[in-house]
N, C-alpha and C. Protein backbone atom coordinates (compact mmCIF):
# COMPACT_ATOMS: atom_id res chain seq x y z
N UNK A 1 -4.57 -8.89 -5.85
CA UNK A 1 -3.82 -8.96 -6.97
C UNK A 1 -2.72 -8.05 -6.98
N UNK A 2 -1.93 -8.07 -8.12
CA UNK A 2 -0.74 -7.21 -8.34
C UNK A 2 -1.33 -6.00 -9.50
N UNK A 3 -2.42 -5.96 -9.88
CA UNK A 3 -3.24 -5.12 -10.96
C UNK A 3 -2.87 -3.65 -10.86
N UNK A 4 -2.51 -3.19 -9.72
CA UNK A 4 -2.18 -1.80 -9.44
C UNK A 4 -1.11 -1.57 -9.80
N UNK A 5 0.01 -2.20 -9.86
CA UNK A 5 1.30 -2.28 -10.50
C UNK A 5 1.62 -2.75 -11.53
N UNK A 6 0.66 -3.21 -12.39
CA UNK A 6 1.02 -3.92 -13.80
C UNK A 6 -0.19 -3.40 -14.93
N UNK A 7 -1.36 -2.74 -14.33
CA UNK A 7 -2.00 -2.43 -15.52
C UNK A 7 -2.17 -0.92 -15.82
N UNK A 8 -1.96 -0.73 -17.06
CA UNK A 8 -2.16 0.64 -17.39
C UNK A 8 -3.46 1.27 -17.22
N UNK A 9 -3.43 2.63 -16.63
CA UNK A 9 -4.86 3.31 -16.33
C UNK A 9 -5.38 3.68 -17.90
N UNK A 10 -6.42 3.45 -18.26
CA UNK A 10 -7.13 3.91 -19.40
C UNK A 10 -6.98 5.65 -19.41
N UNK A 11 -6.62 5.97 -20.70
CA UNK A 11 -6.69 7.67 -20.55
C UNK A 11 -7.99 8.26 -20.22
N UNK A 12 -9.09 7.82 -20.48
CA UNK A 12 -10.50 8.26 -20.18
C UNK A 12 -10.92 7.85 -18.81
N UNK A 13 -10.04 7.38 -18.13
CA UNK A 13 -10.46 6.77 -16.45
C UNK A 13 -10.80 7.77 -15.57
N UNK A 14 -11.93 7.77 -15.06
CA UNK A 14 -12.29 8.82 -14.09
C UNK A 14 -13.02 8.25 -12.95
N UNK A 15 -12.80 8.30 -11.45
CA UNK A 15 -13.61 7.61 -10.65
C UNK A 15 -13.49 6.10 -10.72
N UNK A 16 -14.62 5.75 -9.91
CA UNK A 16 -14.82 4.20 -10.09
C UNK A 16 -13.81 3.48 -9.35
N UNK A 17 -13.08 2.44 -9.82
CA UNK A 17 -12.00 1.64 -9.57
C UNK A 17 -10.68 2.10 -9.77
N UNK A 18 -10.87 3.67 -10.59
CA UNK A 18 -9.48 3.88 -10.95
C UNK A 18 -9.18 5.21 -10.41
N UNK A 19 -9.96 5.60 -9.34
CA UNK A 19 -9.88 6.83 -8.45
C UNK A 19 -10.85 7.55 -8.08
N UNK A 20 -10.78 8.81 -8.27
CA UNK A 20 -11.81 9.70 -8.11
C UNK A 20 -11.22 10.98 -7.07
N UNK A 21 -12.02 11.69 -6.69
CA UNK A 21 -11.88 12.75 -5.79
C UNK A 21 -11.47 12.34 -4.31
N UNK A 22 -10.59 12.60 -3.59
CA UNK A 22 -9.88 12.09 -2.12
C UNK A 22 -10.07 13.37 -1.58
N UNK A 23 -10.81 12.79 -0.31
CA UNK A 23 -10.88 13.84 0.85
C UNK A 23 -9.79 14.59 1.37
N UNK A 24 -9.82 15.90 1.54
CA UNK A 24 -8.56 16.54 2.11
C UNK A 24 -8.47 15.91 3.29
N UNK A 25 -7.11 16.16 3.83
CA UNK A 25 -6.84 15.77 5.11
C UNK A 25 -5.54 16.57 5.77
N UNK A 26 -5.15 16.87 7.15
CA UNK A 26 -4.17 17.49 7.56
C UNK A 26 -3.61 16.58 8.53
N UNK A 27 -2.26 16.66 8.59
CA UNK A 27 -1.66 15.94 9.63
C UNK A 27 -0.76 16.65 10.60
N UNK A 28 -0.48 15.98 11.61
CA UNK A 28 0.22 17.05 12.61
C UNK A 28 1.65 16.23 13.05
N UNK A 29 2.97 16.84 12.84
CA UNK A 29 4.00 16.14 13.11
C UNK A 29 4.67 17.15 14.06
N UNK A 30 5.43 16.59 14.79
CA UNK A 30 6.36 17.15 16.04
C UNK A 30 7.56 16.67 15.75
N UNK A 31 8.50 17.82 15.73
CA UNK A 31 9.90 17.36 15.63
C UNK A 31 10.71 18.23 16.77
N UNK A 32 11.70 17.71 17.40
CA UNK A 32 12.60 18.38 18.53
C UNK A 32 13.95 18.00 18.45
N UNK A 33 14.95 18.79 18.83
CA UNK A 33 16.52 18.38 18.73
C UNK A 33 17.00 19.31 19.82
N UNK A 34 18.14 18.71 20.42
CA UNK A 34 18.84 19.19 21.49
C UNK A 34 20.42 19.12 21.20
N UNK A 35 21.21 20.03 21.17
CA UNK A 35 22.32 20.12 21.03
C UNK A 35 23.03 19.74 22.37
N UNK A 36 23.71 18.58 22.51
CA UNK A 36 24.37 18.15 23.40
C UNK A 36 25.78 19.03 23.85
N UNK A 37 26.49 18.96 22.69
CA UNK A 37 27.74 19.76 22.81
C UNK A 37 28.23 20.07 21.19
N UNK A 38 29.09 20.75 20.82
CA UNK A 38 29.33 21.26 19.66
C UNK A 38 29.47 20.06 18.64
N UNK A 39 29.79 18.76 19.29
CA UNK A 39 29.72 17.64 18.16
C UNK A 39 28.44 16.75 18.30
N UNK A 40 27.74 16.68 19.26
CA UNK A 40 26.74 15.89 19.37
C UNK A 40 25.22 16.63 19.30
N UNK A 41 24.26 15.87 18.81
CA UNK A 41 22.90 16.58 18.89
C UNK A 41 22.12 15.34 18.75
N UNK A 42 20.98 15.17 19.68
CA UNK A 42 19.97 14.34 19.55
C UNK A 42 18.66 15.21 19.10
N UNK A 43 17.62 13.94 18.57
CA UNK A 43 16.80 14.60 17.94
C UNK A 43 15.41 13.50 17.79
N UNK A 44 14.43 13.75 17.88
CA UNK A 44 13.14 12.88 17.88
C UNK A 44 12.13 13.61 17.08
N UNK A 45 10.94 12.62 16.77
CA UNK A 45 10.06 12.99 15.89
C UNK A 45 8.46 12.29 15.77
N UNK A 46 7.64 12.78 15.89
CA UNK A 46 6.58 12.01 16.06
C UNK A 46 5.74 12.43 14.63
N UNK A 47 5.48 11.34 13.95
CA UNK A 47 4.77 11.77 12.62
C UNK A 47 3.34 11.31 12.74
N UNK A 48 2.37 12.08 12.02
CA UNK A 48 1.09 11.86 12.56
C UNK A 48 0.62 11.63 14.07
N UNK A 49 0.91 12.56 14.58
CA UNK A 49 0.81 12.99 16.16
C UNK A 49 -0.62 12.16 16.52
N UNK A 50 -1.84 12.58 16.02
CA UNK A 50 -3.01 12.28 16.45
C UNK A 50 -3.56 10.98 15.70
N UNK A 51 -2.80 10.48 15.02
CA UNK A 51 -3.11 9.07 14.42
C UNK A 51 -4.15 8.93 13.76
N UNK A 52 -4.19 10.06 12.78
CA UNK A 52 -5.33 10.26 11.91
C UNK A 52 -5.14 9.18 10.76
N UNK A 53 -6.52 8.70 10.33
CA UNK A 53 -6.67 7.67 9.29
C UNK A 53 -7.11 8.35 8.19
N UNK A 54 -6.19 8.24 6.97
CA UNK A 54 -6.57 9.11 5.92
C UNK A 54 -6.06 8.29 4.62
N UNK A 55 -6.70 8.91 3.33
CA UNK A 55 -6.49 7.98 2.43
C UNK A 55 -5.57 8.62 1.11
N UNK A 56 -4.45 7.94 0.79
CA UNK A 56 -3.40 8.84 0.14
C UNK A 56 -3.93 8.51 -1.47
N UNK A 57 -4.40 7.46 -1.75
CA UNK A 57 -4.65 6.98 -3.09
C UNK A 57 -5.79 5.89 -3.37
N UNK A 58 -6.47 6.32 -4.40
CA UNK A 58 -7.63 5.02 -4.77
C UNK A 58 -7.30 4.81 -6.31
N UNK A 59 -6.68 3.57 -6.40
CA UNK A 59 -6.49 2.77 -7.86
C UNK A 59 -6.56 1.66 -7.53
N UNK A 60 -7.99 0.99 -7.97
CA UNK A 60 -7.99 -0.34 -7.97
C UNK A 60 -8.13 -0.67 -6.25
N UNK A 61 -8.54 0.26 -5.41
CA UNK A 61 -8.41 -0.15 -4.07
C UNK A 61 -8.10 1.00 -3.18
N UNK A 62 -8.14 1.04 -2.06
CA UNK A 62 -7.77 2.28 -1.30
C UNK A 62 -6.40 2.12 -0.48
N UNK A 63 -5.81 3.23 -0.73
CA UNK A 63 -4.12 3.42 -0.09
C UNK A 63 -4.41 4.17 1.42
N UNK A 64 -4.42 3.71 2.25
CA UNK A 64 -4.36 4.29 3.51
C UNK A 64 -2.73 4.91 3.89
N UNK A 65 -2.85 6.06 4.45
CA UNK A 65 -1.47 6.80 4.91
C UNK A 65 -1.02 6.03 6.15
N UNK A 66 0.06 6.27 6.30
CA UNK A 66 0.83 5.98 7.69
C UNK A 66 0.17 5.89 9.02
N UNK A 67 0.12 5.10 9.74
CA UNK A 67 -0.18 5.31 11.20
C UNK A 67 0.78 6.39 11.86
N UNK A 68 0.63 6.51 13.19
CA UNK A 68 1.64 7.25 13.77
C UNK A 68 2.90 6.43 13.93
N UNK A 69 4.23 7.49 14.01
CA UNK A 69 5.25 6.74 13.76
C UNK A 69 6.23 7.64 14.61
N UNK A 70 7.18 7.28 15.30
CA UNK A 70 8.42 7.72 16.14
C UNK A 70 9.72 7.38 15.70
N UNK A 71 10.46 8.51 15.66
CA UNK A 71 12.05 8.32 15.14
C UNK A 71 12.79 9.17 16.22
N UNK A 72 13.91 8.45 16.55
CA UNK A 72 14.78 9.15 17.49
C UNK A 72 16.34 8.74 16.87
N UNK A 73 17.18 9.59 17.11
CA UNK A 73 18.39 9.60 16.80
C UNK A 73 19.33 10.26 17.40
N UNK A 74 20.88 10.17 16.89
CA UNK A 74 21.92 10.89 17.26
C UNK A 74 22.83 11.18 16.04
N UNK A 75 23.23 12.87 16.21
CA UNK A 75 23.97 13.14 15.16
C UNK A 75 25.58 13.43 16.03
N UNK A 76 26.48 12.68 15.48
CA UNK A 76 27.92 13.20 16.13
C UNK A 76 28.71 13.21 14.83
N UNK A 77 29.79 14.49 15.22
CA UNK A 77 30.69 14.98 14.09
C UNK A 77 31.53 14.71 14.87
N UNK A 78 32.67 13.93 13.93
CA UNK A 78 34.10 13.56 14.70
C UNK A 78 35.05 14.71 13.87
């Protein structure tokens, strides 16, 4: 349901379905860029390189962090 977006958390809520202590996690991201010339730069990134599964929140459920993702692009100045 939509309870996590529409229900207020009680002031005395702790643990249980309202959350609790989350385990620590470490993510590894890699970024690189290359300047082709004075006007153009290409870049890329890999987020969550090791494809680690981790929890970012617990509020009436478990919210899992994003999986590995890739980004590429070009910057060009006119």
